Amino acid sequence: MSCSRHPTVKWAQRSDKVYITVELPDAEDVKLKLEPQGKFFFSATGGASKTKYEVDLDLFDSVDVNESKASVSSRSVCYLVKKAESKWWNRLIKQEGKPPVYLKVDWDKWVDEDEDDKDMDFGDFDFSGLNMGDSDEIGDEVRRCFPAVVAEEDSELEGETVAETKETKDIVEEGNGEKDEEVDVKKD
């Protein structure tokens, strides 16, 4: 019996498909087996030592093998698995309970069920009337938590509005005083 490792596997879904990304840089000898009942098998070698990696999953439900696709890049192997029935799955695999440690949600591709197939069109909605953090409550909370920072900023900008101020400010990483980046502070 050969010893193999598990690569990180990320997944996300839509009502009609599942995205499965196997993170394995420079994968070679990639093999994929996908069966209609939802059996998903991946194997490849990777790394300088040509370590063998495998993933063997029983997907939550049946899939359409003929409409599913795979793409191999230098960083990962991506699969678009078409669901046999267009419906949301409770999880990626049939196994209930805690998923394997190498299986993770792909938050970059994730969309909630109630947002699926919707465009985020707000039409003519006017956001200017909403309190989006300009209130004194937010300011009071910031002043309470960071009094030294607020006092320093207040003294620097005393008598000027943001529209009148056009200067470069240093963003300083908290605690170490190192300069990370410069931001041009102005209001158009």
N, C-alpha and C. Protein backbone atom coordinates (compact mmCIF):
# COMPACT_ATOMS: atom_id res chain seq x y z
N MET A 1 0.84 -1.18 0.00
CA MET A 1 0.00 0.00 0.00
C MET A 1 0.89 1.24 0.00
N SER A 2 0.62 2.17 -0.91
CA SER A 2 1.43 3.37 -1.00
C SER A 2 0.90 4.45 -0.05
N CYS A 3 1.81 5.25 0.44
CA CYS A 3 1.45 6.32 1.36
C CYS A 3 1.28 7.60 0.55
N SER A 4 0.15 8.28 0.72
CA SER A 4 -0.08 9.52 0.00
C SER A 4 -0.58 10.58 0.95
N ARG A 5 -0.45 11.82 0.53
CA ARG A 5 -0.89 12.95 1.33
C ARG A 5 -2.14 13.56 0.70
N HIS A 6 -2.80 14.42 1.47
CA HIS A 6 -3.98 15.11 0.97
C HIS A 6 -3.64 16.58 0.73
N PRO A 7 -3.86 17.07 -0.49
CA PRO A 7 -3.67 18.50 -0.73
C PRO A 7 -4.86 19.27 -0.16
N THR A 8 -4.72 20.58 -0.01
CA THR A 8 -5.85 21.40 0.42
C THR A 8 -6.88 21.43 -0.70
N VAL A 9 -8.14 21.21 -0.35
CA VAL A 9 -9.22 21.22 -1.32
C VAL A 9 -10.23 22.29 -0.88
N LYS A 10 -10.48 23.25 -1.77
CA LYS A 10 -11.46 24.30 -1.48
C LYS A 10 -12.68 24.08 -2.36
N TRP A 11 -13.85 24.47 -1.84
CA TRP A 11 -15.06 24.29 -2.63
C TRP A 11 -16.04 25.43 -2.39
N ALA A 12 -16.88 25.64 -3.40
CA ALA A 12 -17.98 26.60 -3.34
C ALA A 12 -19.06 26.06 -4.27
N GLN A 13 -20.26 26.57 -4.15
CA GLN A 13 -21.34 26.04 -5.00
C GLN A 13 -22.28 27.12 -5.48
N ARG A 14 -23.00 26.78 -6.51
CA ARG A 14 -24.17 27.50 -7.00
C ARG A 14 -25.27 26.44 -7.05
N SER A 15 -26.47 26.83 -7.38
CA SER A 15 -27.56 25.85 -7.38
C SER A 15 -27.32 24.73 -8.39
N ASP A 16 -26.60 25.02 -9.48
CA ASP A 16 -26.43 24.03 -10.55
C ASP A 16 -25.02 23.45 -10.67
N LYS A 17 -24.05 23.94 -9.88
CA LYS A 17 -22.68 23.46 -10.03
C LYS A 17 -21.89 23.60 -8.73
N VAL A 18 -20.77 22.90 -8.67
CA VAL A 18 -19.85 22.96 -7.54
C VAL A 18 -18.47 23.27 -8.10
N TYR A 19 -17.78 24.22 -7.46
CA TYR A 19 -16.39 24.52 -7.81
C TYR A 19 -15.51 23.79 -6.80
N ILE A 20 -14.61 22.98 -7.30
CA ILE A 20 -13.66 22.28 -6.45
C ILE A 20 -12.26 22.66 -6.92
N THR A 21 -11.45 23.22 -6.01
CA THR A 21 -10.09 23.62 -6.35
C THR A 21 -9.12 22.83 -5.48
N VAL A 22 -8.25 22.07 -6.13
CA VAL A 22 -7.22 21.31 -5.44
C VAL A 22 -5.95 22.15 -5.51
N GLU A 23 -5.48 22.63 -4.37
CA GLU A 23 -4.29 23.47 -4.33
C GLU A 23 -3.05 22.59 -4.28
N LEU A 24 -2.42 22.47 -5.43
CA LEU A 24 -1.21 21.66 -5.54
C LEU A 24 -0.33 22.27 -6.63
N PRO A 25 0.61 23.15 -6.24
CA PRO A 25 1.48 23.78 -7.23
C PRO A 25 2.31 22.76 -8.00
N ASP A 26 2.47 23.02 -9.28
CA ASP A 26 3.28 22.18 -10.17
C ASP A 26 2.88 20.71 -10.14
N ALA A 27 1.58 20.47 -10.14
CA ALA A 27 1.07 19.09 -10.13
C ALA A 27 1.43 18.38 -11.44
N GLU A 28 1.85 17.13 -11.30
CA GLU A 28 2.17 16.30 -12.47
C GLU A 28 1.39 14.99 -12.36
N ASP A 29 1.25 14.33 -13.48
CA ASP A 29 0.53 13.05 -13.54
C ASP A 29 -0.86 13.16 -12.91
N VAL A 30 -1.57 14.22 -13.27
CA VAL A 30 -2.90 14.48 -12.70
C VAL A 30 -3.90 13.47 -13.25
N LYS A 31 -4.61 12.83 -12.33
CA LYS A 31 -5.67 11.88 -12.71
C LYS A 31 -6.95 12.28 -11.99
N LEU A 32 -8.04 12.27 -12.71
CA LEU A 32 -9.34 12.59 -12.15
C LEU A 32 -10.33 11.54 -12.57
N LYS A 33 -11.12 11.12 -11.61
CA LYS A 33 -12.21 10.21 -11.91
C LYS A 33 -13.45 10.77 -11.24
N LEU A 34 -14.47 10.99 -12.02
CA LEU A 34 -15.73 11.52 -11.53
C LEU A 34 -16.83 10.58 -12.01
N GLU A 35 -17.62 10.09 -11.09
CA GLU A 35 -18.69 9.15 -11.43
C GLU A 35 -20.05 9.79 -11.20
N PRO A 36 -21.07 9.38 -11.96
CA PRO A 36 -22.40 10.00 -11.87
C PRO A 36 -23.00 10.00 -10.46
N GLN A 37 -22.73 8.99 -9.66
CA GLN A 37 -23.29 8.95 -8.31
C GLN A 37 -22.56 9.89 -7.34
N GLY A 38 -21.54 10.61 -7.82
CA GLY A 38 -20.87 11.61 -7.01
C GLY A 38 -19.52 11.18 -6.46
N LYS A 39 -18.97 10.11 -6.98
CA LYS A 39 -17.64 9.67 -6.53
C LYS A 39 -16.60 10.55 -7.23
N PHE A 40 -15.75 11.24 -6.42
CA PHE A 40 -14.74 12.14 -6.93
C PHE A 40 -13.38 11.65 -6.47
N PHE A 41 -12.49 11.35 -7.42
CA PHE A 41 -11.16 10.89 -7.08
C PHE A 41 -10.14 11.73 -7.83
N PHE A 42 -9.12 12.20 -7.11
CA PHE A 42 -8.03 12.98 -7.68
C PHE A 42 -6.72 12.39 -7.20
N SER A 43 -5.74 12.32 -8.09
CA SER A 43 -4.39 11.96 -7.68
C SER A 43 -3.40 12.70 -8.56
N ALA A 44 -2.25 13.00 -7.98
CA ALA A 44 -1.17 13.69 -8.71
C ALA A 44 0.08 13.61 -7.87
N THR A 45 1.20 13.97 -8.49
CA THR A 45 2.44 14.11 -7.74
C THR A 45 2.80 15.58 -7.73
N GLY A 46 3.49 16.01 -6.68
CA GLY A 46 3.87 17.41 -6.58
C GLY A 46 5.10 17.60 -5.73
N GLY A 47 5.73 18.74 -5.90
CA GLY A 47 6.92 19.08 -5.12
C GLY A 47 8.17 18.48 -5.72
N ALA A 48 9.30 18.92 -5.19
CA ALA A 48 10.60 18.46 -5.68
C ALA A 48 10.79 16.96 -5.46
N SER A 49 10.20 16.45 -4.39
CA SER A 49 10.36 15.03 -4.09
C SER A 49 9.30 14.15 -4.76
N LYS A 50 8.48 14.76 -5.61
CA LYS A 50 7.43 14.02 -6.34
C LYS A 50 6.53 13.24 -5.39
N THR A 51 6.09 13.91 -4.33
CA THR A 51 5.20 13.30 -3.35
C THR A 51 3.85 13.01 -3.99
N LYS A 52 3.28 11.88 -3.64
CA LYS A 52 1.98 11.49 -4.18
C LYS A 52 0.86 12.09 -3.32
N TYR A 53 -0.11 12.72 -3.98
CA TYR A 53 -1.27 13.32 -3.31
C TYR A 53 -2.53 12.67 -3.85
N GLU A 54 -3.50 12.44 -2.96
CA GLU A 54 -4.79 11.86 -3.37
C GLU A 54 -5.93 12.49 -2.60
N VAL A 55 -7.07 12.55 -3.27
CA VAL A 55 -8.32 12.97 -2.65
C VAL A 55 -9.39 12.00 -3.15
N ASP A 56 -10.14 11.43 -2.22
CA ASP A 56 -11.20 10.49 -2.56
C ASP A 56 -12.44 10.93 -1.78
N LEU A 57 -13.42 11.49 -2.50
CA LEU A 57 -14.61 12.04 -1.85
C LEU A 57 -15.88 11.44 -2.41
N ASP A 58 -16.86 11.24 -1.55
CA ASP A 58 -18.21 10.91 -1.97
C ASP A 58 -19.00 12.21 -1.89
N LEU A 59 -19.26 12.82 -3.05
CA LEU A 59 -19.97 14.10 -3.08
C LEU A 59 -21.39 13.93 -2.56
N PHE A 60 -21.96 15.03 -2.12
CA PHE A 60 -23.26 15.02 -1.46
C PHE A 60 -24.37 14.39 -2.31
N ASP A 61 -24.31 14.59 -3.63
CA ASP A 61 -25.38 14.09 -4.49
C ASP A 61 -24.80 13.73 -5.86
N SER A 62 -25.66 13.31 -6.75
CA SER A 62 -25.25 12.91 -8.09
C SER A 62 -24.80 14.10 -8.93
N VAL A 63 -23.94 13.81 -9.93
CA VAL A 63 -23.40 14.85 -10.81
C VAL A 63 -23.55 14.45 -12.27
N ASP A 64 -23.44 15.43 -13.15
CA ASP A 64 -23.48 15.21 -14.59
C ASP A 64 -22.03 15.19 -15.08
N VAL A 65 -21.50 14.01 -15.28
CA VAL A 65 -20.09 13.84 -15.65
C VAL A 65 -19.79 14.50 -17.00
N ASN A 66 -20.70 14.41 -17.96
CA ASN A 66 -20.46 14.94 -19.30
C ASN A 66 -20.40 16.47 -19.34
N GLU A 67 -21.06 17.14 -18.42
CA GLU A 67 -21.07 18.61 -18.39
C GLU A 67 -20.03 19.19 -17.43
N SER A 68 -19.28 18.33 -16.75
CA SER A 68 -18.26 18.79 -15.80
C SER A 68 -16.94 19.01 -16.53
N LYS A 69 -16.12 19.96 -16.02
CA LYS A 69 -14.88 20.34 -16.68
C LYS A 69 -13.75 20.44 -15.68
N ALA A 70 -12.51 20.30 -16.17
CA ALA A 70 -11.33 20.45 -15.32
C ALA A 70 -10.32 21.36 -16.01
N SER A 71 -9.53 22.05 -15.18
CA SER A 71 -8.50 22.96 -15.70
C SER A 71 -7.28 22.86 -14.79
N VAL A 72 -6.11 22.62 -15.37
CA VAL A 72 -4.89 22.50 -14.61
C VAL A 72 -4.05 23.76 -14.83
N SER A 73 -3.66 24.42 -13.73
CA SER A 73 -2.77 25.57 -13.82
C SER A 73 -1.49 25.27 -13.04
N SER A 74 -0.57 26.19 -13.02
CA SER A 74 0.69 25.96 -12.31
C SER A 74 0.51 25.95 -10.79
N ARG A 75 -0.59 26.51 -10.28
CA ARG A 75 -0.82 26.60 -8.84
C ARG A 75 -1.87 25.62 -8.31
N SER A 76 -2.81 25.25 -9.17
CA SER A 76 -3.92 24.42 -8.69
C SER A 76 -4.60 23.68 -9.83
N VAL A 77 -5.48 22.78 -9.44
CA VAL A 77 -6.32 22.06 -10.40
C VAL A 77 -7.76 22.42 -10.05
N CYS A 78 -8.47 23.01 -11.01
CA CYS A 78 -9.84 23.47 -10.76
C CYS A 78 -10.84 22.60 -11.51
N TYR A 79 -11.90 22.27 -10.81
CA TYR A 79 -12.97 21.47 -11.40
C TYR A 79 -14.28 22.22 -11.28
N LEU A 80 -15.02 22.23 -12.35
CA LEU A 80 -16.38 22.74 -12.33
C LEU A 80 -17.26 21.51 -12.49
N VAL A 81 -17.89 21.10 -11.41
CA VAL A 81 -18.70 19.88 -11.41
C VAL A 81 -20.16 20.27 -11.52
N LYS A 82 -20.79 19.81 -12.59
CA LYS A 82 -22.20 20.10 -12.84
C LYS A 82 -23.06 19.15 -12.01
N LYS A 83 -23.98 19.71 -11.25
CA LYS A 83 -24.89 18.89 -10.45
C LYS A 83 -25.92 18.23 -11.36
N ALA A 84 -26.30 17.00 -11.04
CA ALA A 84 -27.32 16.30 -11.82
C ALA A 84 -28.67 16.99 -11.66
N GLU A 85 -28.92 17.50 -10.46
CA GLU A 85 -30.17 18.18 -10.16
C GLU A 85 -29.82 19.57 -9.62
N SER A 86 -30.48 20.59 -10.16
CA SER A 86 -30.18 21.96 -9.75
C SER A 86 -30.82 22.25 -8.39
N LYS A 87 -30.00 22.07 -7.33
CA LYS A 87 -30.45 22.36 -5.97
C LYS A 87 -29.23 22.58 -5.09
N TRP A 88 -29.42 23.30 -3.99
CA TRP A 88 -28.32 23.58 -3.07
C TRP A 88 -28.04 22.37 -2.20
N TRP A 89 -26.76 22.07 -2.04
CA TRP A 89 -26.34 20.97 -1.18
C TRP A 89 -26.06 21.52 0.22
N ASN A 90 -26.34 20.71 1.23
CA ASN A 90 -26.06 21.10 2.62
C ASN A 90 -24.57 21.14 2.92
N ARG A 91 -23.79 20.36 2.19
CA ARG A 91 -22.34 20.26 2.35
C ARG A 91 -21.78 19.64 1.08
N LEU A 92 -20.47 19.57 0.97
CA LEU A 92 -19.85 19.01 -0.24
C LEU A 92 -19.91 17.49 -0.26
N ILE A 93 -19.72 16.87 0.89
CA ILE A 93 -19.63 15.40 0.92
C ILE A 93 -20.80 14.79 1.69
N LYS A 94 -21.06 13.52 1.42
CA LYS A 94 -22.16 12.81 2.09
C LYS A 94 -21.91 12.66 3.59
N GLN A 95 -20.67 12.45 3.95
CA GLN A 95 -20.31 12.24 5.36
C GLN A 95 -20.77 13.41 6.22
N GLU A 96 -21.54 13.09 7.26
CA GLU A 96 -22.00 14.13 8.17
C GLU A 96 -20.93 14.38 9.22
N GLY A 97 -21.11 15.45 9.96
CA GLY A 97 -20.16 15.78 11.01
C GLY A 97 -19.04 16.66 10.48
N LYS A 98 -17.95 16.67 11.21
CA LYS A 98 -16.82 17.52 10.86
C LYS A 98 -16.16 17.02 9.58
N PRO A 99 -15.95 17.93 8.61
CA PRO A 99 -15.30 17.51 7.36
C PRO A 99 -13.81 17.26 7.58
N PRO A 100 -13.17 16.57 6.67
CA PRO A 100 -11.72 16.35 6.78
C PRO A 100 -10.98 17.69 6.87
N VAL A 101 -9.84 17.72 7.55
CA VAL A 101 -9.10 18.97 7.78
C VAL A 101 -8.61 19.61 6.49
N TYR A 102 -8.40 18.84 5.44
CA TYR A 102 -7.90 19.40 4.18
C TYR A 102 -9.02 20.01 3.32
N LEU A 103 -10.27 19.87 3.72
CA LEU A 103 -11.42 20.37 2.96
C LEU A 103 -11.89 21.70 3.55
N LYS A 104 -11.86 22.76 2.71
CA LYS A 104 -12.19 24.10 3.18
C LYS A 104 -13.14 24.81 2.22
N VAL A 105 -13.87 25.77 2.73
CA VAL A 105 -14.76 26.59 1.89
C VAL A 105 -13.91 27.59 1.12
N ASP A 106 -14.22 27.76 -0.15
CA ASP A 106 -13.53 28.74 -1.00
C ASP A 106 -14.33 30.04 -0.94
N TRP A 107 -13.99 30.91 0.02
CA TRP A 107 -14.75 32.13 0.24
C TRP A 107 -14.64 33.09 -0.93
N ASP A 108 -13.60 32.96 -1.77
CA ASP A 108 -13.47 33.83 -2.95
C ASP A 108 -14.54 33.53 -3.98
N LYS A 109 -15.04 32.32 -4.00
CA LYS A 109 -16.06 31.93 -4.99
C LYS A 109 -17.44 31.75 -4.36
N TRP A 110 -17.52 31.80 -3.05
CA TRP A 110 -18.76 31.48 -2.35
C TRP A 110 -19.84 32.52 -2.61
N VAL A 111 -21.06 32.06 -2.80
CA VAL A 111 -22.26 32.90 -2.90
C VAL A 111 -23.33 32.21 -2.07
N ASP A 112 -24.04 32.98 -1.25
CA ASP A 112 -25.11 32.40 -0.46
C ASP A 112 -26.28 32.01 -1.35
N GLU A 113 -27.05 31.06 -0.88
CA GLU A 113 -28.17 30.53 -1.65
C GLU A 113 -29.15 31.63 -2.07
N ASP A 114 -29.43 32.57 -1.17
CA ASP A 114 -30.39 33.63 -1.48
C ASP A 114 -29.81 34.70 -2.42
N GLU A 115 -28.50 34.65 -2.68
CA GLU A 115 -27.87 35.60 -3.61
C GLU A 115 -27.56 34.96 -4.96
N ASP A 116 -27.78 33.67 -5.09
CA ASP A 116 -27.47 32.96 -6.33
C ASP A 116 -28.27 33.53 -7.50
N ASP A 117 -27.60 33.74 -8.60
CA ASP A 117 -28.21 34.23 -9.85
C ASP A 117 -28.84 35.61 -9.72
N LYS A 118 -28.40 36.40 -8.77
CA LYS A 118 -28.92 37.76 -8.64
C LYS A 118 -27.82 38.75 -8.95
N ASP A 119 -28.15 39.80 -9.67
CA ASP A 119 -27.22 40.90 -9.84
C ASP A 119 -27.44 41.87 -8.70
N MET A 120 -26.40 42.47 -8.24
CA MET A 120 -26.51 43.42 -7.15
C MET A 120 -26.86 44.79 -7.73
N ASP A 121 -28.04 44.93 -8.28
CA ASP A 121 -28.48 46.18 -8.88
C ASP A 121 -29.33 46.92 -7.88
N PHE A 122 -28.87 48.11 -7.48
CA PHE A 122 -29.60 48.90 -6.51
C PHE A 122 -30.43 49.98 -7.18
N GLY A 123 -30.45 49.99 -8.50
CA GLY A 123 -31.27 50.96 -9.25
C GLY A 123 -30.94 52.38 -8.88
N ASP A 124 -31.97 53.19 -8.61
CA ASP A 124 -31.79 54.59 -8.26
C ASP A 124 -31.79 54.82 -6.76
N PHE A 125 -31.55 53.80 -5.98
CA PHE A 125 -31.59 53.94 -4.53
C PHE A 125 -30.52 54.93 -4.07
N ASP A 126 -30.92 55.87 -3.23
CA ASP A 126 -30.02 56.91 -2.73
C ASP A 126 -29.48 56.51 -1.36
N PHE A 127 -28.18 56.22 -1.29
CA PHE A 127 -27.56 55.81 -0.05
C PHE A 127 -27.19 56.99 0.85
N SER A 128 -27.28 58.22 0.34
CA SER A 128 -26.81 59.37 1.11
C SER A 128 -27.62 59.61 2.38
N GLY A 129 -28.88 59.16 2.41
CA GLY A 129 -29.71 59.37 3.58
C GLY A 129 -29.44 58.38 4.70
N LEU A 130 -28.68 57.33 4.41
CA LEU A 130 -28.40 56.32 5.42
C LEU A 130 -27.21 56.71 6.28
N ASN A 131 -27.27 56.37 7.54
CA ASN A 131 -26.15 56.61 8.44
C ASN A 131 -25.16 55.46 8.25
N MET A 132 -24.09 55.71 7.53
CA MET A 132 -23.13 54.66 7.23
C MET A 132 -21.82 54.85 8.00
N GLY A 133 -21.91 55.29 9.24
CA GLY A 133 -20.71 55.39 10.05
C GLY A 133 -20.22 56.81 10.26
N ASP A 134 -20.96 57.82 9.84
CA ASP A 134 -20.55 59.19 10.02
C ASP A 134 -21.01 59.76 11.36
N SER A 135 -21.70 58.97 12.14
CA SER A 135 -22.32 59.49 13.35
C SER A 135 -21.30 59.75 14.44
N ASP A 136 -21.71 60.54 15.42
CA ASP A 136 -20.86 60.81 16.56
C ASP A 136 -20.67 59.57 17.41
N GLU A 137 -21.62 58.61 17.34
CA GLU A 137 -21.46 57.38 18.10
C GLU A 137 -20.20 56.65 17.68
N ILE A 138 -19.96 56.58 16.38
CA ILE A 138 -18.75 55.92 15.88
C ILE A 138 -17.53 56.71 16.32
N GLY A 139 -17.59 58.04 16.17
CA GLY A 139 -16.48 58.89 16.58
C GLY A 139 -16.18 58.76 18.06
N ASP A 140 -17.23 58.72 18.89
CA ASP A 140 -17.03 58.56 20.33
C ASP A 140 -16.36 57.24 20.65
N GLU A 141 -16.75 56.19 19.94
CA GLU A 141 -16.16 54.87 20.16
C GLU A 141 -14.69 54.88 19.78
N VAL A 142 -14.35 55.51 18.66
CA VAL A 142 -12.95 55.60 18.23
C VAL A 142 -12.15 56.42 19.24
N ARG A 143 -12.72 57.56 19.67
CA ARG A 143 -12.01 58.40 20.66
C ARG A 143 -11.76 57.64 21.97
N ARG A 144 -12.74 56.82 22.38
CA ARG A 144 -12.61 56.07 23.61
C ARG A 144 -11.52 55.00 23.50
N CYS A 145 -11.47 54.31 22.35
CA CYS A 145 -10.53 53.21 22.18
C CYS A 145 -9.12 53.67 21.80
N PHE A 146 -9.01 54.80 21.07
CA PHE A 146 -7.72 55.26 20.56
C PHE A 146 -7.52 56.75 20.85
N PRO A 147 -7.52 57.15 22.12
CA PRO A 147 -7.46 58.58 22.43
C PRO A 147 -6.20 59.27 21.93
N ALA A 148 -5.05 58.62 21.99
CA ALA A 148 -3.80 59.26 21.56
C ALA A 148 -3.79 59.50 20.06
N VAL A 149 -4.29 58.54 19.30
CA VAL A 149 -4.32 58.68 17.84
C VAL A 149 -5.26 59.80 17.44
N VAL A 150 -6.44 59.85 18.06
CA VAL A 150 -7.43 60.88 17.73
C VAL A 150 -6.89 62.26 18.09
N ALA A 151 -6.25 62.40 19.25
CA ALA A 151 -5.71 63.70 19.66
C ALA A 151 -4.64 64.16 18.69
N GLU A 152 -3.77 63.24 18.23
CA GLU A 152 -2.72 63.60 17.29
C GLU A 152 -3.31 64.04 15.96
N GLU A 153 -4.30 63.31 15.45
CA GLU A 153 -4.93 63.66 14.18
C GLU A 153 -5.66 64.99 14.30
N ASP A 154 -6.36 65.22 15.42
CA ASP A 154 -7.08 66.48 15.61
C ASP A 154 -6.13 67.66 15.60
N SER A 155 -4.96 67.53 16.23
CA SER A 155 -4.01 68.65 16.27
C SER A 155 -3.40 68.90 14.91
N GLU A 156 -3.18 67.86 14.10
CA GLU A 156 -2.62 68.02 12.76
C GLU A 156 -3.58 68.71 11.82
N LEU A 157 -4.87 68.45 11.95
CA LEU A 157 -5.86 68.95 11.01
C LEU A 157 -6.63 70.14 11.55
N GLU A 158 -6.25 70.68 12.69
CA GLU A 158 -6.99 71.75 13.33
C GLU A 158 -7.14 72.93 12.37
N GLY A 159 -8.38 73.37 12.18
CA GLY A 159 -8.65 74.52 11.33
C GLY A 159 -8.76 74.20 9.85
N GLU A 160 -8.58 72.95 9.44
CA GLU A 160 -8.68 72.60 8.03
C GLU A 160 -9.77 71.56 7.84
N THR A 161 -10.39 71.58 6.68
CA THR A 161 -11.33 70.52 6.35
C THR A 161 -10.60 69.51 5.49
N VAL A 162 -11.19 68.33 5.33
CA VAL A 162 -10.56 67.31 4.50
C VAL A 162 -10.42 67.82 3.08
N ALA A 163 -11.39 68.59 2.59
CA ALA A 163 -11.33 69.10 1.23
C ALA A 163 -10.15 70.05 1.05
N GLU A 164 -9.78 70.78 2.10
CA GLU A 164 -8.67 71.73 2.01
C GLU A 164 -7.32 71.06 2.20
N THR A 165 -7.31 69.89 2.79
CA THR A 165 -6.06 69.21 3.11
C THR A 165 -5.64 68.34 1.94
N LYS A 166 -4.46 68.63 1.38
CA LYS A 166 -3.91 67.77 0.35
C LYS A 166 -2.46 67.54 0.72
N GLU A 167 -2.27 66.47 1.47
CA GLU A 167 -0.93 66.15 1.93
C GLU A 167 -0.78 64.65 1.96
N THR A 168 0.46 64.19 2.00
CA THR A 168 0.71 62.77 2.08
C THR A 168 0.88 62.38 3.53
N LYS A 169 0.13 61.38 3.94
CA LYS A 169 0.20 60.89 5.31
C LYS A 169 0.82 59.50 5.30
N ASP A 170 1.59 59.22 6.31
CA ASP A 170 2.17 57.89 6.47
C ASP A 170 1.20 57.02 7.23
N ILE A 171 1.02 55.83 6.74
CA ILE A 171 0.25 54.85 7.49
C ILE A 171 1.27 54.04 8.26
N VAL A 172 1.16 54.07 9.56
CA VAL A 172 2.15 53.44 10.41
C VAL A 172 1.55 52.18 11.02
N GLU A 173 2.27 51.11 10.89
CA GLU A 173 1.82 49.86 11.47
C GLU A 173 1.83 50.02 12.98
N GLU A 174 0.72 49.68 13.61
CA GLU A 174 0.54 49.88 15.04
C GLU A 174 1.61 49.15 15.83
N GLY A 175 2.27 49.89 16.72
CA GLY A 175 3.21 49.27 17.64
C GLY A 175 4.66 49.29 17.20
N ASN A 176 4.98 49.21 15.89
CA ASN A 176 6.39 49.12 15.55
C ASN A 176 6.93 50.38 14.87
N GLY A 177 6.08 51.31 14.50
CA GLY A 177 6.53 52.57 13.94
C GLY A 177 7.09 52.47 12.54
N GLU A 178 6.98 51.31 11.87
CA GLU A 178 7.50 51.19 10.51
C GLU A 178 6.52 51.78 9.52
N LYS A 179 7.05 52.40 8.51
CA LYS A 179 6.24 53.01 7.46
C LYS A 179 5.84 51.92 6.47
N ASP A 180 4.54 51.70 6.26
CA ASP A 180 4.07 50.68 5.34
C ASP A 180 3.82 51.25 3.95
N GLU A 181 3.04 52.30 3.87
CA GLU A 181 2.69 52.86 2.57
C GLU A 181 2.29 54.30 2.76
N GLU A 182 2.18 55.02 1.65
CA GLU A 182 1.76 56.41 1.70
C GLU A 182 0.43 56.55 1.01
N VAL A 183 -0.44 57.39 1.58
CA VAL A 183 -1.76 57.60 1.01
C VAL A 183 -1.96 59.09 0.83
N ASP A 184 -2.42 59.50 -0.32
CA ASP A 184 -2.71 60.90 -0.58
C ASP A 184 -4.10 61.21 -0.04
N VAL A 185 -4.18 62.06 0.97
CA VAL A 185 -5.45 62.37 1.61
C VAL A 185 -6.04 63.60 0.95
N LYS A 186 -7.16 63.41 0.26
CA LYS A 186 -7.84 64.54 -0.37
C LYS A 186 -9.28 64.13 -0.66
N LYS A 187 -10.11 65.10 -0.87
CA LYS A 187 -11.49 64.84 -1.21
C LYS A 187 -11.76 65.53 -2.53
N ASP A 188 -12.24 64.80 -3.50
CA ASP A 188 -12.51 65.39 -4.82
C ASP A 188 -13.81 66.12 -4.87
